[in-house]
């Protein structure tokens, strides 16, 4: 090959390599450009600055609410994320999150999530917000035993038995699902706030095992008898006074018999319960 040919070949190779590097920077680790914009904002990087794996490990907190994000690919590189807030987006696939072992707070409310199994290994989670999604099966959450707050309102949940293992929960929201049997909740003895509005609950006996309960929302269920709550409140008022004097009870919209409604509500109030509805 002549010297000119070698020179031309070198020029072509340089152009190809430069083009490949530019393309790599343009593509980057985030296929979803709305997500990339959010990450760049955290790192204060301009669009032409390459997002290396090393730089992405400096992302500890990411908040991008209502940014039309669909694809979380690339977040797996943000290994030090401890707080992630992506509510009001269009996310369905959580697989990019499954190795983010440092996550403590995760807010994915108002997305399109049906499968929560990628979250099963995130044992450090303390706060999880999944309201207004399409979740049916909560079994993958059973191992998240560090959770103190879990919000699952507005999904398609019928079976809450897997939640019985989450004994550190202080706040649990399950409103707007299809839940009838709440027996598993009697094991959650540290609950201070429990939201069961707009379900099909009939039996309130499991809701008398939480001595720290301060707010109980059971509006618009199928509850016809409050006797278990009355008995628990009376026993507490006459004894340790742990919850009855502090409990706010919301129960409007239940089919309580007319002849029993007033006496039962008065009995609760006599024990110190603040009855709303």
C-alpha atoms as a PDB file:
ATOM      1  CA  UNK A   1       0.000   0.000   0.000  1.00  0.00           C
ATOM      2  CA  UNK A   2       1.309   3.473  -0.872  1.00  0.00           C
ATOM      3  CA  UNK A   3       1.958   6.125   1.753  1.00  0.00           C
ATOM      4  CA  UNK A   4      -1.079   8.034   0.481  1.00  0.00           C
ATOM      5  CA  UNK A   5      -3.233   4.933   0.880  1.00  0.00           C
ATOM      6  CA  UNK A   6      -2.038   4.396   4.424  1.00  0.00           C
ATOM      7  CA  UNK A   7      -2.738   8.028   5.227  1.00  0.00           C
ATOM      8  CA  UNK A   8      -6.226   7.842   3.761  1.00  0.00           C
ATOM      9  CA  UNK A   9      -6.911   4.619   5.662  1.00  0.00           C
ATOM     10  CA  UNK A  10      -5.837   6.240   8.890  1.00  0.00           C
ATOM     11  CA  UNK A  11      -8.104   9.212   8.269  1.00  0.00           C
ATOM     12  CA  UNK A  12     -11.067   6.928   7.543  1.00  0.00           C
ATOM     13  CA  UNK A  13     -10.384   4.902  10.700  1.00  0.00           C
ATOM     14  CA  UNK A  14     -10.171   8.067  12.790  1.00  0.00           C
ATOM     15  CA  UNK A  15     -13.471   9.310  11.400  1.00  0.00           C
ATOM     16  CA  UNK A  16     -15.142   5.953  12.099  1.00  0.00           C
ATOM     17  CA  UNK A  17     -13.841   5.846  15.660  1.00  0.00           C
ATOM     18  CA  UNK A  18     -14.858   9.442  16.281  1.00  0.00           C
ATOM     19  CA  UNK A  19     -18.323   8.759  14.904  1.00  0.00           C
ATOM     20  CA  UNK A  20     -18.681   5.674  17.107  1.00  0.00           C
ATOM     21  CA  UNK A  21     -17.639   7.629  20.195  1.00  0.00           C
ATOM     22  CA  UNK A  22     -20.108  10.392  19.348  1.00  0.00           C
ATOM     23  CA  UNK A  23     -22.872   7.841  18.828  1.00  0.00           C
ATOM     24  CA  UNK A  24     -22.069   6.196  22.138  1.00  0.00           C
ATOM     25  CA  UNK A  25     -22.309   9.560  23.890  1.00  0.00           C
ATOM     26  CA  UNK A  26     -25.547  10.317  22.068  1.00  0.00           C
ATOM     27  CA  UNK A  27     -27.097   6.987  22.976  1.00  0.00           C
ATOM     28  CA  UNK A  28     -25.734   6.831  26.514  1.00  0.00           C
ATOM     29  CA  UNK A  29     -26.970   4.430  29.179  1.00  0.00           C
ATOM     30  CA  UNK A  30     -30.546   5.789  29.165  1.00  0.00           C
ATOM     31  CA  UNK A  31     -32.803   4.923  26.198  1.00  0.00           C
ATOM     32  CA  UNK A  32     -35.500   7.087  27.792  1.00  0.00           C
ATOM     33  CA  UNK A  33     -34.353  10.660  27.209  1.00  0.00           C
ATOM     34  CA  UNK A  34     -36.732  12.052  29.835  1.00  0.00           C
ATOM     35  CA  UNK A  35     -35.032   9.868  32.424  1.00  0.00           C
ATOM     36  CA  UNK A  36     -31.627  10.897  31.133  1.00  0.00           C
ATOM     37  CA  UNK A  37     -32.567  14.557  31.475  1.00  0.00           C
ATOM     38  CA  UNK A  38     -33.535  13.969  35.103  1.00  0.00           C
ATOM     39  CA  UNK A  39     -30.243  12.210  35.843  1.00  0.00           C
ATOM     40  CA  UNK A  40     -28.242  14.935  34.137  1.00  0.00           C
ATOM     41  CA  UNK A  41     -30.043  17.534  36.226  1.00  0.00           C
ATOM     42  CA  UNK A  42     -28.930  15.771  39.407  1.00  0.00           C
ATOM     43  CA  UNK A  43     -25.317  15.590  38.198  1.00  0.00           C
ATOM     44  CA  UNK A  44     -25.492  19.089  36.688  1.00  0.00           C
ATOM     45  CA  UNK A  45     -24.183  17.706  33.394  1.00  0.00           C
ATOM     46  CA  UNK A  46     -24.862  19.246  30.005  1.00  0.00           C
ATOM     47  CA  UNK A  47     -26.239  17.020  27.193  1.00  0.00           C
ATOM     48  CA  UNK A  48     -22.821  16.595  25.555  1.00  0.00           C
ATOM     49  CA  UNK A  49     -21.108  15.303  28.701  1.00  0.00           C
ATOM     50  CA  UNK A  50     -20.728  11.524  28.787  1.00  0.00           C
ATOM     51  CA  UNK A  51     -22.515   9.742  31.653  1.00  0.00           C
ATOM     52  CA  UNK A  52     -19.923   7.209  32.718  1.00  0.00           C
ATOM     53  CA  UNK A  53     -20.576   4.377  35.169  1.00  0.00           C
ATOM     54  CA  UNK A  54     -18.345   6.153  37.680  1.00  0.00           C
ATOM     55  CA  UNK A  55     -20.360   9.361  37.465  1.00  0.00           C
ATOM     56  CA  UNK A  56     -23.664   7.534  37.782  1.00  0.00           C
ATOM     57  CA  UNK A  57     -22.544   6.127  41.117  1.00  0.00           C
ATOM     58  CA  UNK A  58     -22.793   9.690  42.425  1.00  0.00           C
ATOM     59  CA  UNK A  59     -26.572   9.684  42.026  1.00  0.00           C
ATOM     60  CA  UNK A  60     -28.014   9.159  45.501  1.00  0.00           C
ATOM     61  CA  UNK A  61     -31.386  10.877  45.180  1.00  0.00           C
ATOM     62  CA  UNK A  62     -33.470  11.105  42.002  1.00  0.00           C
ATOM     63  CA  UNK A  63     -36.860  12.801  41.787  1.00  0.00           C
ATOM     64  CA  UNK A  64     -38.668  13.071  38.453  1.00  0.00           C
ATOM     65  CA  UNK A  65     -42.412  13.349  38.994  1.00  0.00           C
ATOM     66  CA  UNK A  66     -44.695  13.576  35.960  1.00  0.00           C
ATOM     67  CA  UNK A  67     -41.926  13.595  33.348  1.00  0.00           C
ATOM     68  CA  UNK A  68     -43.472  11.034  30.950  1.00  0.00           C
ATOM     69  CA  UNK A  69     -40.775   8.476  31.754  1.00  0.00           C
ATOM     70  CA  UNK A  70     -41.494   5.015  30.357  1.00  0.00           C
ATOM     71  CA  UNK A  71     -38.216   3.082  30.457  1.00  0.00           C
ATOM     72  CA  UNK A  72     -36.026   2.773  33.562  1.00  0.00           C
ATOM     73  CA  UNK A  73     -33.139   1.097  31.720  1.00  0.00           C
ATOM     74  CA  UNK A  74     -29.853   2.620  32.813  1.00  0.00           C
ATOM     75  CA  UNK A  75     -30.873   3.147  36.412  1.00  0.00           C
ATOM     76  CA  UNK A  76     -29.188  -0.161  37.237  1.00  0.00           C
ATOM     77  CA  UNK A  77     -25.925   1.785  36.920  1.00  0.00           C
ATOM     78  CA  UNK A  78     -26.976   4.199  39.672  1.00  0.00           C
ATOM     79  CA  UNK A  79     -25.938   1.682  42.284  1.00  0.00           C
ATOM     80  CA  UNK A  80     -25.929   4.112  45.201  1.00  0.00           C
ATOM     81  CA  UNK A  81     -29.479   5.364  44.816  1.00  0.00           C
ATOM     82  CA  UNK A  82     -31.144   5.573  48.216  1.00  0.00           C
ATOM     83  CA  UNK A  83     -34.243   7.592  47.289  1.00  0.00           C
ATOM     84  CA  UNK A  84     -36.112   7.302  43.994  1.00  0.00           C
ATOM     85  CA  UNK A  85     -39.308   9.214  43.293  1.00  0.00           C
ATOM     86  CA  UNK A  86     -40.894   8.623  39.885  1.00  0.00           C
ATOM     87  CA  UNK A  87     -44.609   9.008  40.519  1.00  0.00           C
ATOM     88  CA  UNK A  88     -47.006  10.069  37.760  1.00  0.00           C
ATOM     89  CA  UNK A  89     -45.024   8.569  34.905  1.00  0.00           C
ATOM     90  CA  UNK A  90     -45.668   5.661  32.500  1.00  0.00           C
ATOM     91  CA  UNK A  91     -43.406   2.997  33.958  1.00  0.00           C
ATOM     92  CA  UNK A  92     -44.370  -0.684  33.656  1.00  0.00           C
ATOM     93  CA  UNK A  93     -41.101  -2.656  33.871  1.00  0.00           C
ATOM     94  CA  UNK A  94     -39.209  -2.537  37.177  1.00  0.00           C
ATOM     95  CA  UNK A  95     -36.389  -4.910  36.216  1.00  0.00           C
ATOM     96  CA  UNK A  96     -33.743  -2.152  36.073  1.00  0.00           C
ATOM     97  CA  UNK A  97     -34.304  -1.585  39.805  1.00  0.00           C
ATOM     98  CA  UNK A  98     -33.792  -5.138  41.025  1.00  0.00           C
ATOM     99  CA  UNK A  99     -30.101  -4.731  41.935  1.00  0.00           C
ATOM    100  CA  UNK A 100     -30.380  -1.325  43.613  1.00  0.00           C
ATOM    101  CA  UNK A 101     -29.689  -2.731  47.065  1.00  0.00           C
ATOM    102  CA  UNK A 102     -29.157   0.696  48.651  1.00  0.00           C
ATOM    103  CA  UNK A 103     -32.710   1.886  47.982  1.00  0.00           C
ATOM    104  CA  UNK A 104     -34.518   2.899  51.151  1.00  0.00           C
ATOM    105  CA  UNK A 105     -37.347   5.007  49.734  1.00  0.00           C
ATOM    106  CA  UNK A 106     -39.182   4.245  46.476  1.00  0.00           C
ATOM    107  CA  UNK A 107     -42.184   6.149  45.117  1.00  0.00           C
ATOM    108  CA  UNK A 108     -43.759   4.779  41.925  1.00  0.00           C
ATOM    109  CA  UNK A 109     -47.340   5.874  42.452  1.00  0.00           C
ATOM    110  CA  UNK A 110     -49.537   6.466  39.406  1.00  0.00           C
ATOM    111  CA  UNK A 111     -47.636   4.426  36.851  1.00  0.00           C
ATOM    112  CA  UNK A 112     -48.566   1.268  34.909  1.00  0.00           C
ATOM    113  CA  UNK A 113     -46.997  -1.371  37.148  1.00  0.00           C
ATOM    114  CA  UNK A 114     -48.508  -4.846  37.419  1.00  0.00           C
ATOM    115  CA  UNK A 115     -45.473  -6.964  38.317  1.00  0.00           C
ATOM    116  CA  UNK A 116     -43.615  -6.027  41.505  1.00  0.00           C
ATOM    117  CA  UNK A 117     -41.385  -9.134  41.578  1.00  0.00           C
ATOM    118  CA  UNK A 118     -38.228  -7.139  40.649  1.00  0.00           C
ATOM    119  CA  UNK A 119     -38.524  -5.417  44.028  1.00  0.00           C
ATOM    120  CA  UNK A 120     -38.328  -8.676  45.980  1.00  0.00           C
ATOM    121  CA  UNK A 121     -34.611  -8.376  46.687  1.00  0.00           C
ATOM    122  CA  UNK A 122     -34.580  -4.763  47.836  1.00  0.00           C
ATOM    123  CA  UNK A 123     -34.367  -5.674  51.506  1.00  0.00           C
ATOM    124  CA  UNK A 124     -33.341  -2.193  52.602  1.00  0.00           C
ATOM    125  CA  UNK A 125     -36.585  -0.535  51.565  1.00  0.00           C
ATOM    126  CA  UNK A 126     -38.302   1.309  54.403  1.00  0.00           C
ATOM    127  CA  UNK A 127     -40.818   3.338  52.382  1.00  0.00           C
ATOM    128  CA  UNK A 128     -42.659   1.984  49.342  1.00  0.00           C
ATOM    129  CA  UNK A 129     -45.370   3.864  47.461  1.00  0.00           C
ATOM    130  CA  UNK A 130     -47.187   1.939  44.699  1.00  0.00           C
ATOM    131  CA  UNK A 131     -50.644   3.518  44.799  1.00  0.00           C
ATOM    132  CA  UNK A 132     -52.724   3.737  41.635  1.00  0.00           C
ATOM    133  CA  UNK A 133     -51.037   1.031  39.600  1.00  0.00           C
ATOM    134  CA  UNK A 134     -52.244  -2.389  38.380  1.00  0.00           C
ATOM    135  CA  UNK A 135     -50.796  -4.626  41.086  1.00  0.00           C
ATOM    136  CA  UNK A 136     -52.613  -7.888  41.838  1.00  0.00           C
ATOM    137  CA  UNK A 137     -49.998 -10.065  43.543  1.00  0.00           C
ATOM    138  CA  UNK A 138     -48.173  -8.645  46.578  1.00  0.00           C
ATOM    139  CA  UNK A 139     -46.327 -11.892  47.402  1.00  0.00           C
ATOM    140  CA  UNK A 140     -42.986 -10.501  46.118  1.00  0.00           C
ATOM    141  CA  UNK A 141     -43.134  -7.862  48.856  1.00  0.00           C
ATOM    142  CA  UNK A 142     -43.282 -10.404  51.682  1.00  0.00           C
ATOM    143  CA  UNK A 143     -39.528 -10.318  52.244  1.00  0.00           C
ATOM    144  CA  UNK A 144     -39.254  -6.540  52.574  1.00  0.00           C
ATOM    145  CA  UNK A 145     -39.316  -6.750  56.346  1.00  0.00           C
ATOM    146  CA  UNK A 146     -37.675  -3.362  56.961  1.00  0.00           C
ATOM    147  CA  UNK A 147     -40.702  -1.558  55.552  1.00  0.00           C
ATOM    148  CA  UNK A 148     -42.312   0.906  57.939  1.00  0.00           C
ATOM    149  CA  UNK A 149     -44.631   2.497  55.356  1.00  0.00           C
ATOM    150  CA  UNK A 150     -46.381   0.742  52.472  1.00  0.00           C
ATOM    151  CA  UNK A 151     -48.945   2.346  50.168  1.00  0.00           C
ATOM    152  CA  UNK A 152     -50.898   0.093  47.803  1.00  0.00           C
ATOM    153  CA  UNK A 153     -54.176   1.960  47.381  1.00  0.00           C
ATOM    154  CA  UNK A 154     -55.979   1.912  44.052  1.00  0.00           C
ATOM    155  CA  UNK A 155     -54.669  -1.397  42.728  1.00  0.00           C
ATOM    156  CA  UNK A 156     -56.345  -4.796  42.092  1.00  0.00           C
ATOM    157  CA  UNK A 157     -55.349  -6.627  45.245  1.00  0.00           C
ATOM    158  CA  UNK A 158     -57.537  -9.316  46.807  1.00  0.00           C
ATOM    159  CA  UNK A 159     -55.082 -11.330  48.904  1.00  0.00           C
ATOM    160  CA  UNK A 160     -53.111  -9.520  51.631  1.00  0.00           C
ATOM    161  CA  UNK A 161     -51.826 -12.655  53.367  1.00  0.00           C
ATOM    162  CA  UNK A 162     -48.244 -12.085  52.116  1.00  0.00           C
ATOM    163  CA  UNK A 163     -48.132  -8.815  54.061  1.00  0.00           C
ATOM    164  CA  UNK A 164     -48.332 -10.639  57.406  1.00  0.00           C
ATOM    165  CA  UNK A 165     -44.534 -10.811  57.547  1.00  0.00           C
ATOM    166  CA  UNK A 166     -44.119  -7.021  57.415  1.00  0.00           C
ATOM    167  CA  UNK A 167     -44.280  -6.623  61.167  1.00  0.00           C
ATOM    168  CA  UNK A 168     -42.421  -3.294  61.258  1.00  0.00           C
ATOM    169  CA  UNK A 169     -45.150  -1.507  59.333  1.00  0.00           C
ATOM    170  CA  UNK A 170     -46.463   1.613  61.035  1.00  0.00           C
ATOM    171  CA  UNK A 171     -48.449   2.908  58.073  1.00  0.00           C
ATOM    172  CA  UNK A 172     -50.353   0.715  55.598  1.00  0.00           C
ATOM    173  CA  UNK A 173     -52.685   1.943  52.850  1.00  0.00           C
ATOM    174  CA  UNK A 174     -54.840  -0.587  51.005  1.00  0.00           C
ATOM    175  CA  UNK A 175     -57.828   1.521  50.011  1.00  0.00           C
ATOM    176  CA  UNK A 176     -59.556   1.008  46.686  1.00  0.00           C
ATOM    177  CA  UNK A 177     -58.772  -2.666  46.154  1.00  0.00           C
ATOM    178  CA  UNK A 178     -60.889  -5.864  46.316  1.00  0.00           C
ATOM    179  CA  UNK A 179     -59.947  -7.050  49.798  1.00  0.00           C
ATOM    180  CA  UNK A 180     -62.389  -9.072  51.879  1.00  0.00           C
ATOM    181  CA  UNK A 181     -60.233 -11.054  54.294  1.00  0.00           C
ATOM    182  CA  UNK A 182     -57.952  -8.927  56.499  1.00  0.00           C
ATOM    183  CA  UNK A 183     -57.023 -11.719  58.902  1.00  0.00           C
ATOM    184  CA  UNK A 184     -53.332 -11.395  58.067  1.00  0.00           C
ATOM    185  CA  UNK A 185     -53.286  -7.819  59.344  1.00  0.00           C
ATOM    186  CA  UNK A 186     -53.722  -8.871  62.953  1.00  0.00           C
ATOM    187  CA  UNK A 187     -50.016  -9.724  62.965  1.00  0.00           C
ATOM    188  CA  UNK A 188     -49.110  -6.114  62.161  1.00  0.00           C
ATOM    189  CA  UNK A 189     -49.155  -4.969  65.754  1.00  0.00           C
ATOM    190  CA  UNK A 190     -47.106  -1.797  65.208  1.00  0.00           C
ATOM    191  CA  UNK A 191     -49.594  -0.158  62.856  1.00  0.00           C
ATOM    192  CA  UNK A 192     -50.538   3.399  63.730  1.00  0.00           C
ATOM    193  CA  UNK A 193     -52.353   4.208  60.460  1.00  0.00           C
ATOM    194  CA  UNK A 194     -54.430   1.738  58.453  1.00  0.00           C
ATOM    195  CA  UNK A 195     -56.434   2.644  55.351  1.00  0.00           C
ATOM    196  CA  UNK A 196     -58.924   0.038  54.116  1.00  0.00           C
ATOM    197  CA  UNK A 197     -61.442   2.333  52.451  1.00  0.00           C
ATOM    198  CA  UNK A 198     -63.413   1.134  49.438  1.00  0.00           C
ATOM    199  CA  UNK A 199     -62.911  -2.609  49.798  1.00  0.00           C
ATOM    200  CA  UNK A 200     -65.301  -5.445  50.697  1.00  0.00           C
ATOM    201  CA  UNK A 201     -64.233  -6.083  54.288  1.00  0.00           C
ATOM    202  CA  UNK A 202     -66.888  -7.639  56.531  1.00  0.00           C
ATOM    203  CA  UNK A 203     -65.086  -8.799  59.689  1.00  0.00           C
ATOM    204  CA  UNK A 204     -63.261  -6.192  61.791  1.00  0.00           C
ATOM    205  CA  UNK A 205     -61.930  -8.602  64.421  1.00  0.00           C
ATOM    206  CA  UNK A 206     -58.383  -8.635  62.956  1.00  0.00           C
ATOM    207  CA  UNK A 207     -58.347  -4.836  63.334  1.00  0.00           C
ATOM    208  CA  UNK A 208     -58.413  -5.025  67.123  1.00  0.00           C
ATOM    209  CA  UNK A 209     -54.862  -6.348  67.552  1.00  0.00           C
ATOM    210  CA  UNK A 210     -52.980  -3.095  66.952  1.00  0.00           C
ATOM    211  CA  UNK A 211     -52.401  -1.305  70.281  1.00  0.00           C
ATOM    212  CA  UNK A 212     -50.701   1.673  68.607  1.00  0.00           C
ATOM    213  CA  UNK A 213     -53.476   2.327  66.087  1.00  0.00           C
ATOM    214  CA  UNK A 214     -54.328   6.025  65.814  1.00  0.00           C
ATOM    215  CA  UNK A 215     -56.129   6.258  62.469  1.00  0.00           C
ATOM    216  CA  UNK A 216     -58.401   3.537  61.077  1.00  0.00           C
ATOM    217  CA  UNK A 217     -60.176   4.188  57.793  1.00  0.00           C
ATOM    218  CA  UNK A 218     -62.784   1.556  56.904  1.00  0.00           C
ATOM    219  CA  UNK A 219     -65.291   3.639  54.966  1.00  0.00           C
ATOM    220  CA  UNK A 220     -67.379   2.058  52.211  1.00  0.00           C
ATOM    221  CA  UNK A 221     -66.890  -1.612  53.049  1.00  0.00           C
ATOM    222  CA  UNK A 222     -69.418  -4.313  53.966  1.00  0.00           C
ATOM    223  CA  UNK A 223     -69.171  -4.026  57.743  1.00  0.00           C
ATOM    224  CA  UNK A 224     -72.400  -4.731  59.624  1.00  0.00           C
ATOM    225  CA  UNK A 225     -71.125  -5.209  63.168  1.00  0.00           C
ATOM    226  CA  UNK A 226     -68.683  -3.061  65.154  1.00  0.00           C
ATOM    227  CA  UNK A 227     -68.864  -5.168  68.321  1.00  0.00           C
ATOM    228  CA  UNK A 228     -65.234  -6.405  68.124  1.00  0.00           C
ATOM    229  CA  UNK A 229     -63.991  -2.807  67.910  1.00  0.00           C
ATOM    230  CA  UNK A 230     -66.268  -1.745  70.758  1.00  0.00           C
ATOM    231  CA  UNK A 231     -65.046  -4.559  73.008  1.00  0.00           C
ATOM    232  CA  UNK A 232     -61.397  -3.787  72.263  1.00  0.00           C
ATOM    233  CA  UNK A 233     -61.904  -0.059  72.840  1.00  0.00           C
ATOM    234  CA  UNK A 234     -63.711  -0.647  76.143  1.00  0.00           C
ATOM    235  CA  UNK A 235     -61.018  -3.005  77.398  1.00  0.00           C
ATOM    236  CA  UNK A 236     -58.329  -0.515  76.499  1.00  0.00           C
ATOM    237  CA  UNK A 237     -60.177   2.444  78.024  1.00  0.00           C
ATOM    238  CA  UNK A 238     -60.585   0.550  81.281  1.00  0.00           C
ATOM    239  CA  UNK A 239     -56.994  -0.679  81.246  1.00  0.00           C
ATOM    240  CA  UNK A 240     -53.788   0.500  79.579  1.00  0.00           C
ATOM    241  CA  UNK A 241     -55.350   3.315  77.506  1.00  0.00           C
ATOM    242  CA  UNK A 242     -52.945   2.688  74.652  1.00  0.00           C
ATOM    243  CA  UNK A 243     -55.193   3.408  71.687  1.00  0.00           C
ATOM    244  CA  UNK A 244     -58.866   4.032  72.474  1.00  0.00           C
ATOM    245  CA  UNK A 245     -58.411   7.631  73.682  1.00  0.00           C
ATOM    246  CA  UNK A 246     -56.350   8.450  70.579  1.00  0.00           C
ATOM    247  CA  UNK A 247     -58.097   6.475  67.839  1.00  0.00           C
ATOM    248  CA  UNK A 248     -59.825   8.276  64.975  1.00  0.00           C
ATOM    249  CA  UNK A 249     -62.247   5.936  63.253  1.00  0.00           C
ATOM    250  CA  UNK A 250     -63.671   6.637  59.794  1.00  0.00           C
ATOM    251  CA  UNK A 251     -66.542   4.280  58.906  1.00  0.00           C
ATOM    252  CA  UNK A 252     -69.098   6.094  56.775  1.00  0.00           C
ATOM    253  CA  UNK A 253     -70.737   4.084  53.996  1.00  0.00           C
ATOM    254  CA  UNK A 254     -71.018   0.719  55.743  1.00  0.00           C
ATOM    255  CA  UNK A 255     -74.313  -1.240  55.970  1.00  0.00           C
ATOM    256  CA  UNK A 256     -74.713  -1.018  59.744  1.00  0.00           C
ATOM    257  CA  UNK A 257     -78.242  -2.002  60.812  1.00  0.00           C
ATOM    258  CA  UNK A 258     -80.277   1.083  61.703  1.00  0.00           C
ATOM    259  CA  UNK A 259     -81.247  -0.248  65.128  1.00  0.00           C
ATOM    260  CA  UNK A 260     -77.615  -0.979  66.014  1.00  0.00           C
ATOM    261  CA  UNK A 261     -75.850   1.963  64.421  1.00  0.00           C
ATOM    262  CA  UNK A 262     -76.497   4.651  67.025  1.00  0.00           C
ATOM    263  CA  UNK A 263     -75.846   2.465  70.108  1.00  0.00           C
ATOM    264  CA  UNK A 264     -72.615   1.105  68.623  1.00  0.00           C
ATOM    265  CA  UNK A 265     -71.310   4.538  67.705  1.00  0.00           C
ATOM    266  CA  UNK A 266     -72.152   5.847  71.174  1.00  0.00           C
ATOM    267  CA  UNK A 267     -70.365   2.910  72.772  1.00  0.00           C
ATOM    268  CA  UNK A 268     -67.226   3.690  70.770  1.00  0.00           C
ATOM    269  CA  UNK A 269     -67.373   7.348  71.690  1.00  0.00           C
ATOM    270  CA  UNK A 270     -67.875   6.464  75.351  1.00  0.00           C
ATOM    271  CA  UNK A 271     -64.574   4.573  75.209  1.00  0.00           C
ATOM    272  CA  UNK A 272     -62.850   7.692  73.874  1.00  0.00           C
ATOM    273  CA  UNK A 273     -62.805   6.868  70.169  1.00  0.00           C
ATOM    274  CA  UNK A 274     -63.307   9.796  67.816  1.00  0.00           C
ATOM    275  CA  UNK A 275     -65.833   8.525  65.292  1.00  0.00           C
ATOM    276  CA  UNK A 276     -66.078  10.181  61.890  1.00  0.00           C
ATOM    277  CA  UNK A 277     -69.170   9.156  59.918  1.00  0.00           C
END
